[in-house]
């Protein structure tokens, strides 16, 4: 009996159980859950071309980026924003929040335009002179913020222009004259330029900018940039928090039942070798959770299915090794020689099967969308981690146990009954 090796085996087993029992729950709570697990809503927008502005690849990407910036303003966790069918944007927002407000933020426009001339219509509205366009929202930096006039205390938005010299030239040309600031086609303010502004900064006020909240909303919209194309809401799907929780609960119970059956099967058929495989599965599940938490992967129902599938593949790798080990025992090899030979010969089969599955998952990620890509990501992670646990960890623990001399009868490792190790 080699107590050092047996002690190392016990230390690994205790570390797996202790670490998992002590930190698995906080780790699970730190993982971001998707729309189908915690509720929220799914929006599908159609990118609409406008007259004289057909859809272009660069314009579509600009629209996608603008939507991403708008979604970030909502503050919801684990958003999913993807381009579908070449001209549609899908937005999945998980969590509980004001859905109407979210739709307004995502689809709103914040087109700021500054003109040198404008005329008032009979109905009281204002029409800018397009020939006198001075600046647009594209000329602004992404640092607009709510502020107040130090002299009057009036609420407004401070903006900074990308080209301070251009703004200085405009204020110099219009010194003592009004300029007309339009927001989304409506006159916001028509201030008179009283100073030459040399630092590229300006204060916008008037119109609806009477409260700090209105100023903050405008500043956020300006920072998000104007949408290059209008968006048309094609579909909306709401998932209530209770429905998401019910889906998660049902999936977890199904997964727990599957894990228990796997544990019982492995222990009943392969005895101590099966127990080692069970410990490796515990390590697999823990490492998957840790990887998801570290990589900030959004966990969805298809993702959970992929993790359970990966657990099955990890078990399969152990079964391939153990069955090969039993064959080596039947051929008369010693217990230790059977373990070494089984690990060596089974490795190629395990790598081949996992590689083909990984490639299939990679293709799904490449050509798929939405939940298909989520399933593919979870499956690729699970395959890589199952190789670490089912091949390296299980193998190391089995070799330590056998070489310690604590097990001498092949039956304890699933071998034929009555056989004795040489």
Protein backbone atom coordinates (compact mmCIF):
# COMPACT_ATOMS: atom_id res chain seq x y z
CA UNK A 1 0.00 0.00 0.00
CA UNK A 2 1.53 3.30 -1.15
CA UNK A 3 -0.07 5.80 1.19
CA UNK A 4 1.34 8.85 -0.60
CA UNK A 5 -0.46 8.05 -3.85
CA UNK A 6 -3.61 7.00 -2.05
CA UNK A 7 -3.50 10.22 -0.07
CA UNK A 8 -3.14 12.20 -3.30
CA UNK A 9 -6.18 10.39 -4.69
CA UNK A 10 -8.23 11.21 -1.60
CA UNK A 11 -7.03 14.84 -1.66
CA UNK A 12 -8.25 15.28 -5.24
CA UNK A 13 -11.61 13.68 -4.41
CA UNK A 14 -12.10 15.82 -1.29
CA UNK A 15 -11.06 18.97 -3.19
CA UNK A 16 -13.63 18.31 -5.92
CA UNK A 17 -16.46 17.67 -3.48
CA UNK A 18 -15.50 20.46 -1.08
CA UNK A 19 -14.97 23.14 -3.73
CA UNK A 20 -18.20 22.26 -5.51
CA UNK A 21 -20.29 22.12 -2.34
CA UNK A 22 -18.86 25.38 -1.03
CA UNK A 23 -18.97 27.63 -4.09
CA UNK A 24 -21.30 26.08 -6.70
CA UNK A 25 -24.40 28.00 -5.58
CA UNK A 26 -22.81 31.50 -5.62
CA UNK A 27 -21.21 30.62 -8.95
CA UNK A 28 -24.57 29.60 -10.38
CA UNK A 29 -26.18 32.85 -9.22
CA UNK A 30 -23.46 34.86 -10.97
CA UNK A 31 -24.28 33.39 -14.40
CA UNK A 32 -26.41 35.57 -16.64
CA UNK A 33 -29.69 33.94 -17.62
CA UNK A 34 -31.28 34.40 -21.01
CA UNK A 35 -34.72 35.54 -22.02
CA UNK A 36 -36.29 32.08 -21.78
CA UNK A 37 -35.04 31.54 -18.24
CA UNK A 38 -35.80 34.82 -16.49
CA UNK A 39 -38.41 36.46 -18.68
CA UNK A 40 -38.24 39.61 -20.77
CA UNK A 41 -39.15 40.28 -24.36
CA UNK A 42 -37.99 39.64 -27.89
CA UNK A 43 -38.15 42.33 -30.59
CA UNK A 44 -37.57 41.90 -34.31
CA UNK A 45 -36.97 45.07 -36.32
CA UNK A 46 -36.91 45.47 -40.10
CA UNK A 47 -34.31 47.93 -41.40
CA UNK A 48 -36.18 50.11 -43.88
CA UNK A 49 -34.43 51.91 -46.75
CA UNK A 50 -35.43 55.48 -47.50
CA UNK A 51 -35.75 57.36 -50.73
CA UNK A 52 -32.29 58.03 -52.05
CA UNK A 53 -30.69 55.92 -49.30
CA UNK A 54 -30.74 52.21 -50.23
CA UNK A 55 -29.49 49.65 -47.77
CA UNK A 56 -25.72 49.14 -47.81
CA UNK A 57 -23.58 46.73 -45.76
CA UNK A 58 -21.87 49.62 -43.98
CA UNK A 59 -25.21 51.30 -43.28
CA UNK A 60 -26.68 48.09 -41.88
CA UNK A 61 -23.69 47.67 -39.56
CA UNK A 62 -24.08 51.29 -38.45
CA UNK A 63 -27.74 50.61 -37.67
CA UNK A 64 -26.76 47.52 -35.67
CA UNK A 65 -24.20 49.51 -33.68
CA UNK A 66 -26.72 52.28 -33.02
CA UNK A 67 -29.20 49.73 -31.66
CA UNK A 68 -26.50 48.23 -29.45
CA UNK A 69 -25.73 51.64 -27.97
CA UNK A 70 -29.43 52.25 -27.34
CA UNK A 71 -29.86 48.88 -25.64
CA UNK A 72 -26.93 49.68 -23.36
CA UNK A 73 -28.86 52.72 -22.18
CA UNK A 74 -31.68 50.52 -20.91
CA UNK A 75 -29.35 48.87 -18.40
CA UNK A 76 -30.79 45.37 -18.74
CA UNK A 77 -28.50 42.40 -18.23
CA UNK A 78 -27.52 39.87 -20.90
CA UNK A 79 -28.92 41.60 -24.00
CA UNK A 80 -28.75 39.70 -27.27
CA UNK A 81 -28.55 41.84 -30.41
CA UNK A 82 -28.11 40.04 -33.71
CA UNK A 83 -28.47 40.71 -37.41
CA UNK A 84 -30.84 38.28 -39.12
CA UNK A 85 -31.65 37.67 -42.77
CA UNK A 86 -29.34 40.48 -43.80
CA UNK A 87 -31.78 43.31 -43.05
CA UNK A 88 -33.40 42.53 -39.70
CA UNK A 89 -32.22 43.16 -36.14
CA UNK A 90 -33.32 40.90 -33.31
CA UNK A 91 -33.14 42.27 -29.78
CA UNK A 92 -33.64 40.00 -26.76
CA UNK A 93 -33.85 41.74 -23.41
CA UNK A 94 -33.99 39.57 -20.31
CA UNK A 95 -35.27 40.84 -16.99
CA UNK A 96 -38.08 42.98 -15.66
CA UNK A 97 -38.30 46.57 -16.90
CA UNK A 98 -40.59 48.99 -18.71
CA UNK A 99 -41.16 47.39 -22.11
CA UNK A 100 -42.76 50.45 -23.70
CA UNK A 101 -39.89 52.65 -22.61
CA UNK A 102 -37.38 50.11 -23.95
CA UNK A 103 -39.09 50.03 -27.37
CA UNK A 104 -39.10 53.82 -27.46
CA UNK A 105 -35.39 54.01 -26.68
CA UNK A 106 -34.42 51.35 -29.24
CA UNK A 107 -36.46 52.72 -32.13
CA UNK A 108 -36.27 56.44 -31.43
CA UNK A 109 -34.36 58.89 -33.57
CA UNK A 110 -32.32 61.77 -32.24
CA UNK A 111 -31.45 63.73 -35.37
CA UNK A 112 -29.99 67.02 -34.28
CA UNK A 113 -29.58 69.61 -37.04
CA UNK A 114 -28.46 73.22 -36.84
CA UNK A 115 -29.44 75.65 -39.60
CA UNK A 116 -28.61 79.23 -40.36
CA UNK A 117 -32.09 80.09 -41.60
CA UNK A 118 -35.66 78.90 -41.02
CA UNK A 119 -39.12 80.22 -41.83
CA UNK A 120 -42.30 79.87 -39.86
CA UNK A 121 -45.30 78.23 -41.51
CA UNK A 122 -48.89 79.37 -41.14
CA UNK A 123 -49.61 76.58 -38.66
CA UNK A 124 -46.86 77.85 -36.37
CA UNK A 125 -44.29 75.17 -37.17
CA UNK A 126 -40.88 75.96 -38.57
CA UNK A 127 -39.29 74.93 -41.86
CA UNK A 128 -35.46 74.98 -42.04
CA UNK A 129 -33.66 76.15 -45.14
CA UNK A 130 -31.76 73.03 -46.26
CA UNK A 131 -29.13 75.16 -48.00
CA UNK A 132 -28.06 76.62 -44.65
CA UNK A 133 -27.39 73.35 -42.82
CA UNK A 134 -24.47 74.05 -40.48
CA UNK A 135 -24.09 71.00 -38.21
CA UNK A 136 -25.72 67.62 -37.58
CA UNK A 137 -25.61 65.06 -34.80
CA UNK A 138 -22.77 63.32 -36.63
CA UNK A 139 -20.58 66.32 -35.80
CA UNK A 140 -21.02 65.74 -32.06
CA UNK A 141 -18.77 63.84 -29.72
CA UNK A 142 -20.34 61.06 -27.64
CA UNK A 143 -20.12 63.00 -24.38
CA UNK A 144 -23.33 65.04 -24.31
CA UNK A 145 -24.62 65.52 -20.76
CA UNK A 146 -27.24 67.34 -18.75
CA UNK A 147 -26.13 70.63 -17.25
CA UNK A 148 -27.61 73.93 -16.09
CA UNK A 149 -26.93 77.48 -17.14
CA UNK A 150 -24.77 79.01 -14.34
CA UNK A 151 -26.48 82.39 -14.76
CA UNK A 152 -30.14 81.45 -15.12
CA UNK A 153 -30.23 77.90 -13.69
CA UNK A 154 -32.00 76.76 -16.87
CA UNK A 155 -31.80 73.03 -17.67
CA UNK A 156 -30.13 72.00 -20.89
CA UNK A 157 -27.64 69.72 -22.60
CA UNK A 158 -23.98 70.49 -23.05
CA UNK A 159 -22.60 69.16 -26.33
CA UNK A 160 -19.09 69.14 -27.75
CA UNK A 161 -18.30 69.21 -31.44
CA UNK A 162 -15.68 67.01 -33.05
CA UNK A 163 -14.24 69.94 -35.01
CA UNK A 164 -13.93 72.95 -32.66
CA UNK A 165 -12.55 75.10 -35.47
CA UNK A 166 -15.63 74.50 -37.62
CA UNK A 167 -17.92 75.46 -34.75
CA UNK A 168 -15.81 78.54 -34.04
CA UNK A 169 -16.13 79.63 -37.67
CA UNK A 170 -19.92 79.16 -37.54
CA UNK A 171 -20.33 81.20 -34.35
CA UNK A 172 -18.06 83.87 -35.81
CA UNK A 173 -20.15 84.05 -39.00
CA UNK A 174 -23.44 84.16 -37.08
CA UNK A 175 -22.33 86.44 -34.25
CA UNK A 176 -25.36 88.50 -33.22
CA UNK A 177 -27.65 86.38 -35.39
CA UNK A 178 -29.95 83.49 -34.56
CA UNK A 179 -29.27 79.87 -35.45
CA UNK A 180 -32.01 77.28 -35.57
CA UNK A 181 -31.61 74.00 -33.71
CA UNK A 182 -33.95 71.24 -34.92
CA UNK A 183 -34.45 67.90 -33.18
CA UNK A 184 -36.19 65.22 -35.25
CA UNK A 185 -37.55 67.87 -37.62
CA UNK A 186 -39.00 70.06 -34.86
CA UNK A 187 -37.57 73.41 -33.83
CA UNK A 188 -35.99 73.00 -30.41
CA UNK A 189 -34.51 76.45 -29.96
CA UNK A 190 -33.38 79.47 -31.96
CA UNK A 191 -30.70 81.11 -29.80
CA UNK A 192 -28.82 84.20 -30.83
CA UNK A 193 -25.05 83.66 -31.02
CA UNK A 194 -23.65 86.13 -28.50
CA UNK A 195 -20.07 84.88 -28.25
CA UNK A 196 -17.51 83.21 -30.49
CA UNK A 197 -17.09 79.70 -29.08
CA UNK A 198 -13.50 78.59 -29.45
CA UNK A 199 -13.56 75.36 -27.45
CA UNK A 200 -16.12 73.45 -29.53
CA UNK A 201 -18.64 73.33 -26.69
CA UNK A 202 -22.21 74.62 -26.62
CA UNK A 203 -25.26 74.63 -24.38
CA UNK A 204 -28.63 73.58 -25.86
CA UNK A 205 -31.84 74.43 -24.07
CA UNK A 206 -35.46 75.26 -24.73
CA UNK A 207 -38.37 73.27 -26.07
CA UNK A 208 -39.13 70.26 -23.87
CA UNK A 209 -35.80 70.49 -22.07
CA UNK A 210 -37.35 71.80 -18.87
CA UNK A 211 -36.49 68.92 -16.52
CA UNK A 212 -33.25 67.09 -15.76
CA UNK A 213 -34.82 63.80 -16.91
CA UNK A 214 -35.69 65.22 -20.34
CA UNK A 215 -32.15 66.57 -20.70
CA UNK A 216 -30.61 63.25 -19.68
CA UNK A 217 -32.78 61.38 -22.19
CA UNK A 218 -31.78 63.74 -25.00
CA UNK A 219 -28.11 63.51 -24.05
CA UNK A 220 -28.29 59.70 -24.08
CA UNK A 221 -30.04 59.72 -27.45
CA UNK A 222 -27.44 62.06 -28.94
CA UNK A 223 -24.62 59.93 -27.58
CA UNK A 224 -26.20 56.83 -29.14
CA UNK A 225 -26.19 58.53 -32.53
CA UNK A 226 -28.91 58.77 -35.11
CA UNK A 227 -30.20 55.64 -36.80
CA UNK A 228 -29.02 55.60 -40.43
CA UNK A 229 -32.31 53.94 -41.44
CA UNK A 230 -35.74 53.84 -39.82
CA UNK A 231 -36.64 50.63 -37.98
CA UNK A 232 -40.02 48.95 -38.32
CA UNK A 233 -41.10 46.64 -35.51
CA UNK A 234 -42.01 43.32 -37.15
CA UNK A 235 -42.77 41.17 -34.14
CA UNK A 236 -42.72 41.24 -30.36
CA UNK A 237 -42.76 38.28 -27.99
CA UNK A 238 -43.14 38.72 -24.26
CA UNK A 239 -41.96 36.06 -21.79
CA UNK A 240 -43.19 36.58 -18.24
CA UNK A 241 -40.81 36.10 -15.30
CA UNK A 242 -42.98 33.28 -13.94
CA UNK A 243 -42.88 31.42 -17.26
CA UNK A 244 -39.10 31.78 -17.43
CA UNK A 245 -38.73 30.56 -13.84
CA UNK A 246 -40.99 27.59 -14.58
CA UNK A 247 -38.89 26.67 -17.62
CA UNK A 248 -35.70 26.88 -15.57
CA UNK A 249 -37.18 24.82 -12.75
CA UNK A 250 -38.42 22.10 -15.11
CA UNK A 251 -35.08 21.95 -16.91
CA UNK A 252 -33.12 21.75 -13.68
CA UNK A 253 -35.27 18.89 -12.37
CA UNK A 254 -34.83 17.04 -15.66
CA UNK A 255 -31.09 17.60 -15.55
CA UNK A 256 -30.89 16.46 -11.92
CA UNK A 257 -32.77 13.27 -12.75
CA UNK A 258 -30.43 12.60 -15.66
CA UNK A 259 -27.36 13.17 -13.50
CA UNK A 260 -28.62 10.86 -10.75
CA UNK A 261 -29.30 8.09 -13.25
CA UNK A 262 -25.84 8.52 -14.75
CA UNK A 263 -24.21 8.40 -11.32
CA UNK A 264 -26.08 5.24 -10.34
CA UNK A 265 -25.37 3.53 -13.64
CA UNK A 266 -21.63 4.27 -13.56
CA UNK A 267 -21.25 3.12 -9.96
CA UNK A 268 -23.34 -0.03 -10.47
CA UNK A 269 -21.46 -1.14 -13.58
CA UNK A 270 -17.90 0.05 -12.93
CA UNK A 271 -17.79 0.27 -9.11
CA UNK A 272 -14.82 2.39 -7.98
CA UNK A 273 -13.95 3.33 -11.55
CA UNK A 274 -17.53 4.53 -11.91
CA UNK A 275 -17.18 6.56 -8.71
CA UNK A 276 -14.13 8.25 -10.20
CA UNK A 277 -16.14 9.01 -13.34
CA UNK A 278 -18.88 10.51 -11.16
CA UNK A 279 -16.36 12.76 -9.43
CA UNK A 280 -15.06 13.83 -12.84
CA UNK A 281 -18.62 14.70 -13.85
CA UNK A 282 -18.98 16.86 -10.76
CA UNK A 283 -15.75 18.63 -11.73
CA UNK A 284 -17.07 18.99 -15.30
CA UNK A 285 -20.28 20.67 -14.16
CA UNK A 286 -18.37 23.01 -11.84
CA UNK A 287 -15.83 24.01 -14.49
CA UNK A 288 -18.62 24.66 -16.99
CA UNK A 289 -20.33 27.01 -14.54
CA UNK A 290 -17.03 28.75 -13.78
CA UNK A 291 -16.28 29.16 -17.48
CA UNK A 292 -19.73 30.56 -18.20
CA UNK A 293 -19.42 33.01 -15.33
CA UNK A 294 -15.92 34.14 -16.34
CA UNK A 295 -16.76 34.48 -20.04
CA UNK A 296 -20.11 36.16 -19.24
CA UNK A 297 -21.94 33.66 -21.42
CA UNK A 298 -25.72 34.04 -21.41
CA UNK A 299 -27.29 30.75 -20.36
CA UNK A 300 -30.47 29.76 -22.21
CA UNK A 301 -32.62 26.63 -22.36
CA UNK A 302 -30.76 25.34 -25.45
CA UNK A 303 -27.53 26.08 -23.59
CA UNK A 304 -28.64 23.95 -20.66
CA UNK A 305 -29.50 21.16 -23.09
CA UNK A 306 -26.00 21.43 -24.56
CA UNK A 307 -24.45 21.14 -21.10
CA UNK A 308 -26.40 17.97 -20.34
CA UNK A 309 -25.39 16.62 -23.75
CA UNK A 310 -21.78 17.42 -22.91
CA UNK A 311 -22.15 15.50 -19.66
CA UNK A 312 -23.34 12.50 -21.63
CA UNK A 313 -20.31 12.78 -23.90
CA UNK A 314 -18.03 12.97 -20.87
CA UNK A 315 -19.59 9.77 -19.51
CA UNK A 316 -19.23 8.15 -22.91
CA UNK A 317 -15.50 8.90 -22.89
CA UNK A 318 -15.16 7.14 -19.53
CA UNK A 319 -17.19 4.17 -20.71
CA UNK A 320 -14.97 3.76 -23.79
CA UNK A 321 -11.91 3.73 -21.54
CA UNK A 322 -13.40 1.36 -18.97
CA UNK A 323 -14.64 -1.14 -21.53
CA UNK A 324 -11.22 -1.20 -23.13
CA UNK A 325 -9.75 -1.74 -19.66
CA UNK A 326 -12.00 -4.76 -19.12
CA UNK A 327 -10.84 -6.22 -22.43
CA UNK A 328 -7.22 -5.83 -21.37
CA UNK A 329 -8.02 -7.62 -18.11
CA UNK A 330 -9.63 -10.51 -19.99
CA UNK A 331 -6.48 -10.79 -22.05
CA UNK A 332 -4.55 -11.51 -18.88
CA UNK A 333 -2.84 -8.19 -18.26
CA UNK A 334 -2.28 -6.88 -14.78
CA UNK A 335 -4.57 -4.28 -13.28
CA UNK A 336 -2.08 -1.45 -13.71
CA UNK A 337 -1.11 -2.49 -17.24
CA UNK A 338 -4.79 -2.72 -18.20
CA UNK A 339 -5.44 0.82 -16.98
CA UNK A 340 -2.42 2.26 -18.84
CA UNK A 341 -3.22 0.39 -22.06
CA UNK A 342 -6.92 1.31 -21.94
CA UNK A 343 -6.17 5.01 -21.53
CA UNK A 344 -3.68 4.91 -24.38
CA UNK A 345 -5.83 3.02 -26.87
CA UNK A 346 -9.10 4.77 -26.04
CA UNK A 347 -7.67 8.27 -26.35
CA UNK A 348 -7.78 8.38 -30.15
CA UNK A 349 -11.40 7.22 -30.29
CA UNK A 350 -12.40 9.80 -27.71
CA UNK A 351 -10.59 12.61 -29.51
CA UNK A 352 -12.10 11.65 -32.88
CA UNK A 353 -15.67 11.61 -31.58
CA UNK A 354 -15.31 14.88 -29.69
CA UNK A 355 -13.57 16.60 -32.60
CA UNK A 356 -16.36 15.77 -35.02
CA UNK A 357 -18.98 17.02 -32.57
CA UNK A 358 -16.97 20.19 -31.95
CA UNK A 359 -16.74 20.85 -35.68
CA UNK A 360 -20.51 20.34 -36.03
CA UNK A 361 -21.06 22.86 -33.21
CA UNK A 362 -18.69 25.32 -34.89
CA UNK A 363 -20.64 25.07 -38.14
CA UNK A 364 -23.90 25.63 -36.25
CA UNK A 365 -22.42 28.74 -34.69
CA UNK A 366 -21.16 29.98 -38.06
CA UNK A 367 -24.40 29.61 -40.02
CA UNK A 368 -26.98 29.65 -37.21
CA UNK A 369 -28.74 32.48 -35.46
CA UNK A 370 -30.33 33.15 -32.09
CA UNK A 371 -30.81 30.07 -29.92
CA UNK A 372 -28.92 27.87 -32.38
CA UNK A 373 -25.76 29.88 -31.80
CA UNK A 374 -26.33 29.78 -28.04
CA UNK A 375 -26.62 26.00 -28.19
CA UNK A 376 -23.45 25.79 -30.29
CA UNK A 377 -21.42 27.95 -27.90
CA UNK A 378 -22.49 25.93 -24.86
CA UNK A 379 -21.76 22.67 -26.68
CA UNK A 380 -18.25 23.75 -27.70
CA UNK A 381 -17.45 24.82 -24.14
CA UNK A 382 -18.82 21.55 -22.75
CA UNK A 383 -16.80 19.42 -25.20
CA UNK A 384 -13.52 21.11 -24.31
CA UNK A 385 -14.17 20.85 -20.58
CA UNK A 386 -15.36 17.24 -20.82
CA UNK A 387 -12.04 16.34 -22.47
CA UNK A 388 -10.18 17.85 -19.52
CA UNK A 389 -12.23 16.03 -16.92
CA UNK A 390 -13.02 12.72 -18.64
CA UNK A 391 -9.56 12.21 -20.11
CA UNK A 392 -7.06 13.98 -17.87
CA UNK A 393 -8.75 14.09 -14.45
CA UNK A 394 -10.35 10.63 -14.57
CA UNK A 395 -7.17 9.09 -15.91
CA UNK A 396 -4.98 10.69 -13.26
CA UNK A 397 -7.29 9.63 -10.41
CA UNK A 398 -7.62 6.07 -11.70
CA UNK A 399 -3.87 5.66 -12.07
CA UNK A 400 -3.26 7.05 -8.57
CA UNK A 401 -5.78 4.62 -7.09
CA UNK A 402 -4.35 1.58 -8.90
CA UNK A 403 -0.70 2.43 -8.30
CA UNK A 404 -1.38 3.05 -4.63
CA UNK A 405 -2.16 -0.67 -4.23
CA UNK A 406 -5.48 0.09 -2.51
CA UNK A 407 -7.32 -1.90 -5.18
CA UNK A 408 -6.07 -5.33 -6.17
CA UNK A 409 -9.16 -7.09 -7.48
CA UNK A 410 -10.25 -6.13 -11.03
CA UNK A 411 -13.88 -6.52 -9.94
CA UNK A 412 -13.64 -3.22 -8.05
CA UNK A 413 -12.94 -1.49 -11.35
CA UNK A 414 -15.69 -3.22 -13.29
CA UNK A 415 -13.61 -6.25 -14.26
CA UNK A 416 -14.81 -9.87 -14.33
CA UNK A 417 -15.79 -11.33 -10.97
CA UNK A 418 -13.24 -13.66 -9.44
CA UNK A 419 -10.32 -12.24 -11.41
CA UNK A 420 -7.15 -11.45 -9.47
CA UNK A 421 -4.60 -8.83 -10.41
CA UNK A 422 -1.09 -10.11 -11.14
